[in-house]
Amino acid sequence: MFAGFEPAAVSAFGEDDVERLMADAGIIRNRAKIEATIGNARIVRDMAGGELDELMWSFAPPASDTRPAAFADVPAVTAESTALSTELRRRGFRFVGPTTMYALMQSAGMVDDHIAGCWRA
């Protein structure tokens, strides 16, 4: 649907692509989010090679030996995810709030907050 999320391909999407995506029941059909995805891809396309990677990792918190004891101890937002969100918004990215950025940081391995006793921990 989004060309494998390749920024160069998604950045070339136009109104016909937005309409195609709006008609696709397999995705969340929110015009603002679809347009933000295309706009964000354009920003990434215009960044220097590796710039986004370096930017994101510059907000990674220091590793911790302490693990959350329970799911309730895992934060949804941190100072680092808030700072990353602020910087991305400053650069023109949209739909990059602190909670979303924390989830991104988790999925990218920037934070390891598996609870104690988790097999992944």
N, C-alpha and C. Protein backbone atom coordinates (compact mmCIF):
# COMPACT_ATOMS: atom_id res chain seq x y z
N MET A 1 0.80 -1.19 0.00
CA MET A 1 0.00 0.00 0.00
C MET A 1 0.85 1.26 0.00
N PHE A 2 1.92 1.23 0.79
CA PHE A 2 2.81 2.39 0.90
C PHE A 2 4.18 2.09 0.29
N ALA A 3 4.20 1.32 -0.78
CA ALA A 3 5.45 1.06 -1.53
C ALA A 3 6.57 0.56 -0.62
N GLY A 4 6.22 -0.35 0.28
CA GLY A 4 7.24 -0.90 1.18
C GLY A 4 7.83 0.14 2.12
N PHE A 5 7.14 1.25 2.27
CA PHE A 5 7.60 2.36 3.13
C PHE A 5 8.97 2.88 2.71
N GLU A 6 9.26 2.78 1.42
CA GLU A 6 10.49 3.37 0.88
C GLU A 6 10.24 4.87 0.73
N PRO A 7 10.98 5.71 1.46
CA PRO A 7 10.72 7.15 1.42
C PRO A 7 10.71 7.75 0.02
N ALA A 8 11.61 7.33 -0.85
CA ALA A 8 11.65 7.90 -2.19
C ALA A 8 10.37 7.61 -2.95
N ALA A 9 9.85 6.40 -2.81
CA ALA A 9 8.62 6.03 -3.51
C ALA A 9 7.41 6.73 -2.89
N VAL A 10 7.31 6.71 -1.57
CA VAL A 10 6.16 7.32 -0.90
C VAL A 10 6.16 8.83 -1.11
N SER A 11 7.32 9.43 -1.14
CA SER A 11 7.39 10.89 -1.33
C SER A 11 6.87 11.32 -2.69
N ALA A 12 6.81 10.39 -3.63
CA ALA A 12 6.31 10.70 -4.97
C ALA A 12 4.80 10.51 -5.08
N PHE A 13 4.15 10.04 -4.02
CA PHE A 13 2.70 9.84 -4.06
C PHE A 13 2.00 11.17 -4.29
N GLY A 14 0.93 11.10 -5.05
CA GLY A 14 0.12 12.28 -5.32
C GLY A 14 -1.32 12.06 -4.87
N GLU A 15 -2.19 12.92 -5.33
CA GLU A 15 -3.60 12.87 -4.92
C GLU A 15 -4.26 11.56 -5.32
N ASP A 16 -3.91 11.00 -6.48
CA ASP A 16 -4.48 9.71 -6.88
C ASP A 16 -4.12 8.61 -5.88
N ASP A 17 -2.90 8.67 -5.36
CA ASP A 17 -2.47 7.68 -4.36
C ASP A 17 -3.22 7.88 -3.05
N VAL A 18 -3.43 9.14 -2.68
CA VAL A 18 -4.19 9.42 -1.46
C VAL A 18 -5.59 8.85 -1.60
N GLU A 19 -6.22 9.05 -2.73
CA GLU A 19 -7.57 8.52 -2.96
C GLU A 19 -7.58 7.00 -2.96
N ARG A 20 -6.56 6.39 -3.56
CA ARG A 20 -6.44 4.92 -3.56
C ARG A 20 -6.35 4.40 -2.13
N LEU A 21 -5.54 5.06 -1.33
CA LEU A 21 -5.37 4.64 0.06
C LEU A 21 -6.64 4.89 0.88
N MET A 22 -7.32 5.98 0.61
CA MET A 22 -8.57 6.26 1.32
C MET A 22 -9.63 5.19 1.04
N ALA A 23 -9.54 4.53 -0.10
CA ALA A 23 -10.51 3.49 -0.47
C ALA A 23 -10.09 2.10 -0.01
N ASP A 24 -8.91 1.98 0.59
CA ASP A 24 -8.39 0.67 0.98
C ASP A 24 -8.85 0.32 2.39
N ALA A 25 -9.74 -0.66 2.50
CA ALA A 25 -10.28 -1.06 3.80
C ALA A 25 -9.24 -1.76 4.67
N GLY A 26 -8.08 -2.08 4.11
CA GLY A 26 -7.04 -2.77 4.87
C GLY A 26 -6.19 -1.86 5.74
N ILE A 27 -6.41 -0.55 5.66
CA ILE A 27 -5.63 0.39 6.47
C ILE A 27 -6.59 1.33 7.19
N ILE A 28 -6.04 2.07 8.13
CA ILE A 28 -6.81 3.13 8.78
C ILE A 28 -6.92 4.26 7.77
N ARG A 29 -8.14 4.56 7.39
CA ARG A 29 -8.35 5.54 6.32
C ARG A 29 -8.58 6.92 6.92
N ASN A 30 -7.49 7.52 7.31
CA ASN A 30 -7.51 8.86 7.88
C ASN A 30 -6.68 9.74 6.95
N ARG A 31 -7.34 10.63 6.25
CA ARG A 31 -6.66 11.45 5.24
C ARG A 31 -5.47 12.21 5.85
N ALA A 32 -5.64 12.75 7.04
CA ALA A 32 -4.54 13.51 7.65
C ALA A 32 -3.32 12.62 7.89
N LYS A 33 -3.56 11.38 8.33
CA LYS A 33 -2.42 10.48 8.57
C LYS A 33 -1.78 10.03 7.27
N ILE A 34 -2.59 9.78 6.25
CA ILE A 34 -2.04 9.40 4.95
C ILE A 34 -1.20 10.54 4.39
N GLU A 35 -1.74 11.75 4.43
CA GLU A 35 -1.00 12.90 3.92
C GLU A 35 0.25 13.17 4.75
N ALA A 36 0.18 12.93 6.06
CA ALA A 36 1.37 13.10 6.91
C ALA A 36 2.43 12.07 6.55
N THR A 37 2.03 10.86 6.26
CA THR A 37 2.99 9.82 5.86
C THR A 37 3.73 10.24 4.60
N ILE A 38 3.01 10.78 3.65
CA ILE A 38 3.64 11.24 2.41
C ILE A 38 4.55 12.44 2.68
N GLY A 39 4.06 13.38 3.47
CA GLY A 39 4.87 14.55 3.82
C GLY A 39 6.12 14.17 4.61
N ASN A 40 5.97 13.25 5.55
CA ASN A 40 7.13 12.79 6.33
C ASN A 40 8.15 12.10 5.43
N ALA A 41 7.65 11.33 4.45
CA ALA A 41 8.56 10.67 3.51
C ALA A 41 9.34 11.71 2.71
N ARG A 42 8.71 12.80 2.37
CA ARG A 42 9.41 13.87 1.63
C ARG A 42 10.52 14.49 2.47
N ILE A 43 10.26 14.65 3.76
CA ILE A 43 11.30 15.19 4.65
C ILE A 43 12.47 14.22 4.73
N VAL A 44 12.16 12.93 4.90
CA VAL A 44 13.21 11.91 4.99
C VAL A 44 14.00 11.87 3.69
N ARG A 45 13.30 11.93 2.56
CA ARG A 45 13.96 11.92 1.24
C ARG A 45 14.98 13.05 1.13
N ASP A 46 14.66 14.20 1.70
CA ASP A 46 15.53 15.37 1.59
C ASP A 46 16.65 15.40 2.63
N MET A 47 16.63 14.48 3.56
CA MET A 47 17.70 14.43 4.57
C MET A 47 18.93 13.74 3.98
N ALA A 48 20.08 14.06 4.52
CA ALA A 48 21.31 13.41 4.10
C ALA A 48 21.27 11.95 4.52
N GLY A 49 21.96 11.11 3.79
CA GLY A 49 22.02 9.68 4.11
C GLY A 49 22.45 9.45 5.55
N GLY A 50 21.66 8.69 6.28
CA GLY A 50 21.98 8.38 7.67
C GLY A 50 21.58 9.45 8.66
N GLU A 51 21.14 10.59 8.20
CA GLU A 51 20.81 11.70 9.10
C GLU A 51 19.67 11.35 10.05
N LEU A 52 18.62 10.70 9.53
CA LEU A 52 17.50 10.35 10.38
C LEU A 52 17.92 9.33 11.44
N ASP A 53 18.70 8.35 11.04
CA ASP A 53 19.20 7.34 11.97
C ASP A 53 20.01 8.00 13.09
N GLU A 54 20.94 8.86 12.72
CA GLU A 54 21.77 9.55 13.71
C GLU A 54 20.92 10.43 14.63
N LEU A 55 19.95 11.12 14.03
CA LEU A 55 19.07 11.98 14.82
C LEU A 55 18.31 11.16 15.86
N MET A 56 17.68 10.10 15.41
CA MET A 56 16.90 9.29 16.33
C MET A 56 17.76 8.73 17.46
N TRP A 57 18.89 8.14 17.12
CA TRP A 57 19.73 7.52 18.15
C TRP A 57 20.34 8.54 19.10
N SER A 58 20.40 9.80 18.69
CA SER A 58 20.92 10.82 19.60
C SER A 58 19.97 11.04 20.78
N PHE A 59 18.74 10.55 20.68
CA PHE A 59 17.77 10.68 21.76
C PHE A 59 17.61 9.41 22.57
N ALA A 60 18.39 8.38 22.27
CA ALA A 60 18.29 7.13 23.02
C ALA A 60 18.76 7.35 24.45
N PRO A 61 17.99 6.87 25.41
CA PRO A 61 18.42 7.03 26.80
C PRO A 61 19.57 6.08 27.11
N PRO A 62 20.32 6.37 28.16
CA PRO A 62 21.38 5.45 28.55
C PRO A 62 20.79 4.10 28.95
N ALA A 63 21.51 3.03 28.68
CA ALA A 63 21.05 1.69 29.04
C ALA A 63 20.91 1.60 30.56
N SER A 64 19.95 0.80 30.98
CA SER A 64 19.70 0.64 32.41
C SER A 64 19.72 -0.83 32.78
N ASP A 65 20.27 -1.14 33.94
CA ASP A 65 20.27 -2.51 34.43
C ASP A 65 18.97 -2.83 35.17
N THR A 66 18.18 -1.80 35.45
CA THR A 66 16.93 -1.98 36.18
C THR A 66 15.80 -2.23 35.20
N ARG A 67 15.03 -3.27 35.45
CA ARG A 67 13.90 -3.62 34.60
C ARG A 67 12.60 -3.29 35.31
N PRO A 68 11.58 -2.92 34.57
CA PRO A 68 10.27 -2.72 35.20
C PRO A 68 9.79 -4.03 35.83
N ALA A 69 9.15 -3.92 36.97
CA ALA A 69 8.65 -5.12 37.66
C ALA A 69 7.34 -5.60 37.05
N ALA A 70 6.54 -4.68 36.51
CA ALA A 70 5.23 -5.02 35.96
C ALA A 70 4.93 -4.11 34.77
N PHE A 71 3.94 -4.49 33.97
CA PHE A 71 3.56 -3.67 32.82
C PHE A 71 3.20 -2.26 33.24
N ALA A 72 2.63 -2.11 34.39
CA ALA A 72 2.24 -0.78 34.88
C ALA A 72 3.47 0.11 35.08
N ASP A 73 4.64 -0.48 35.19
CA ASP A 73 5.87 0.29 35.40
C ASP A 73 6.53 0.73 34.08
N VAL A 74 5.99 0.27 32.95
CA VAL A 74 6.55 0.64 31.65
C VAL A 74 5.91 1.97 31.25
N PRO A 75 6.73 2.99 31.00
CA PRO A 75 6.15 4.30 30.66
C PRO A 75 5.57 4.32 29.26
N ALA A 76 4.69 5.25 29.03
CA ALA A 76 4.17 5.50 27.68
C ALA A 76 4.92 6.66 27.03
N VAL A 77 5.50 7.50 27.87
CA VAL A 77 6.22 8.70 27.42
C VAL A 77 7.42 8.88 28.33
N THR A 78 8.52 9.32 27.75
CA THR A 78 9.71 9.65 28.54
C THR A 78 10.22 11.02 28.13
N ALA A 79 11.15 11.53 28.87
CA ALA A 79 11.76 12.81 28.50
C ALA A 79 12.41 12.71 27.13
N GLU A 80 13.03 11.55 26.85
CA GLU A 80 13.70 11.37 25.56
C GLU A 80 12.70 11.30 24.40
N SER A 81 11.58 10.59 24.62
CA SER A 81 10.59 10.51 23.52
C SER A 81 9.93 11.87 23.29
N THR A 82 9.78 12.63 24.35
CA THR A 82 9.23 13.98 24.21
C THR A 82 10.20 14.88 23.45
N ALA A 83 11.48 14.78 23.76
CA ALA A 83 12.49 15.58 23.07
C ALA A 83 12.60 15.18 21.60
N LEU A 84 12.55 13.88 21.31
CA LEU A 84 12.59 13.43 19.92
C LEU A 84 11.38 13.94 19.16
N SER A 85 10.21 13.85 19.77
CA SER A 85 8.98 14.35 19.16
C SER A 85 9.11 15.84 18.84
N THR A 86 9.60 16.59 19.79
CA THR A 86 9.75 18.04 19.60
C THR A 86 10.69 18.34 18.44
N GLU A 87 11.80 17.63 18.35
CA GLU A 87 12.76 17.88 17.28
C GLU A 87 12.19 17.49 15.92
N LEU A 88 11.49 16.36 15.86
CA LEU A 88 10.90 15.95 14.58
C LEU A 88 9.83 16.94 14.13
N ARG A 89 9.02 17.41 15.06
CA ARG A 89 8.01 18.41 14.72
C ARG A 89 8.67 19.70 14.23
N ARG A 90 9.77 20.08 14.87
CA ARG A 90 10.49 21.28 14.46
C ARG A 90 10.95 21.15 13.01
N ARG A 91 11.26 19.93 12.59
CA ARG A 91 11.72 19.68 11.23
C ARG A 91 10.56 19.49 10.25
N GLY A 92 9.31 19.53 10.75
CA GLY A 92 8.16 19.46 9.88
C GLY A 92 7.41 18.14 9.87
N PHE A 93 7.89 17.15 10.61
CA PHE A 93 7.20 15.87 10.68
C PHE A 93 5.86 16.04 11.40
N ARG A 94 4.89 15.20 11.01
CA ARG A 94 3.57 15.22 11.66
C ARG A 94 3.23 13.83 12.17
N PHE A 95 2.33 13.79 13.16
CA PHE A 95 1.91 12.55 13.83
C PHE A 95 3.11 11.84 14.45
N VAL A 96 3.92 12.60 15.15
CA VAL A 96 5.11 12.08 15.81
C VAL A 96 5.10 12.49 17.28
N GLY A 97 3.96 12.26 17.94
CA GLY A 97 3.84 12.63 19.35
C GLY A 97 4.73 11.81 20.25
N PRO A 98 4.89 12.23 21.50
CA PRO A 98 5.79 11.55 22.43
C PRO A 98 5.45 10.08 22.68
N THR A 99 4.18 9.73 22.72
CA THR A 99 3.80 8.33 22.93
C THR A 99 4.18 7.50 21.71
N THR A 100 3.91 8.02 20.53
CA THR A 100 4.28 7.32 19.30
C THR A 100 5.79 7.18 19.21
N MET A 101 6.52 8.21 19.60
CA MET A 101 7.97 8.14 19.54
C MET A 101 8.52 7.14 20.55
N TYR A 102 7.86 7.01 21.71
CA TYR A 102 8.33 6.00 22.65
C TYR A 102 8.11 4.60 22.09
N ALA A 103 6.97 4.39 21.46
CA ALA A 103 6.71 3.09 20.83
C ALA A 103 7.74 2.81 19.73
N LEU A 104 8.11 3.84 18.97
CA LEU A 104 9.15 3.70 17.95
C LEU A 104 10.48 3.34 18.60
N MET A 105 10.80 4.01 19.69
CA MET A 105 12.06 3.74 20.39
C MET A 105 12.09 2.30 20.90
N GLN A 106 10.95 1.80 21.36
CA GLN A 106 10.88 0.40 21.80
C GLN A 106 11.10 -0.54 20.62
N SER A 107 10.40 -0.29 19.52
CA SER A 107 10.47 -1.20 18.38
C SER A 107 11.83 -1.19 17.70
N ALA A 108 12.53 -0.06 17.78
CA ALA A 108 13.85 0.07 17.16
C ALA A 108 14.97 -0.43 18.07
N GLY A 109 14.63 -0.80 19.29
CA GLY A 109 15.65 -1.27 20.22
C GLY A 109 16.41 -0.15 20.90
N MET A 110 15.89 1.06 20.85
CA MET A 110 16.54 2.19 21.50
C MET A 110 16.34 2.13 23.01
N VAL A 111 15.26 1.48 23.43
CA VAL A 111 15.02 1.24 24.84
C VAL A 111 14.68 -0.24 25.00
N ASP A 112 15.05 -0.81 26.10
CA ASP A 112 14.72 -2.20 26.42
C ASP A 112 14.01 -2.16 27.76
N ASP A 113 12.69 -2.15 27.69
CA ASP A 113 11.90 -2.08 28.93
C ASP A 113 11.05 -3.34 29.13
N HIS A 114 11.60 -4.46 28.67
CA HIS A 114 10.93 -5.74 28.95
C HIS A 114 10.88 -5.93 30.47
N ILE A 115 9.73 -6.37 30.94
CA ILE A 115 9.59 -6.52 32.39
C ILE A 115 10.46 -7.67 32.89
N ALA A 116 10.82 -7.58 34.16
CA ALA A 116 11.63 -8.64 34.78
C ALA A 116 10.88 -9.96 34.63
N GLY A 117 11.61 -10.98 34.24
CA GLY A 117 11.00 -12.29 34.07
C GLY A 117 10.54 -12.56 32.65
N CYS A 118 10.51 -11.55 31.80
CA CYS A 118 10.12 -11.73 30.41
C CYS A 118 11.21 -12.54 29.70
N TRP A 119 10.82 -13.45 28.85
CA TRP A 119 11.81 -14.28 28.16
C TRP A 119 12.72 -13.45 27.27
N ARG A 120 12.27 -12.31 26.79
CA ARG A 120 13.10 -11.43 25.98
C ARG A 120 14.12 -10.67 26.81
N ALA A 121 13.81 -10.50 28.08
CA ALA A 121 14.74 -9.79 28.97
C ALA A 121 15.96 -10.63 29.22
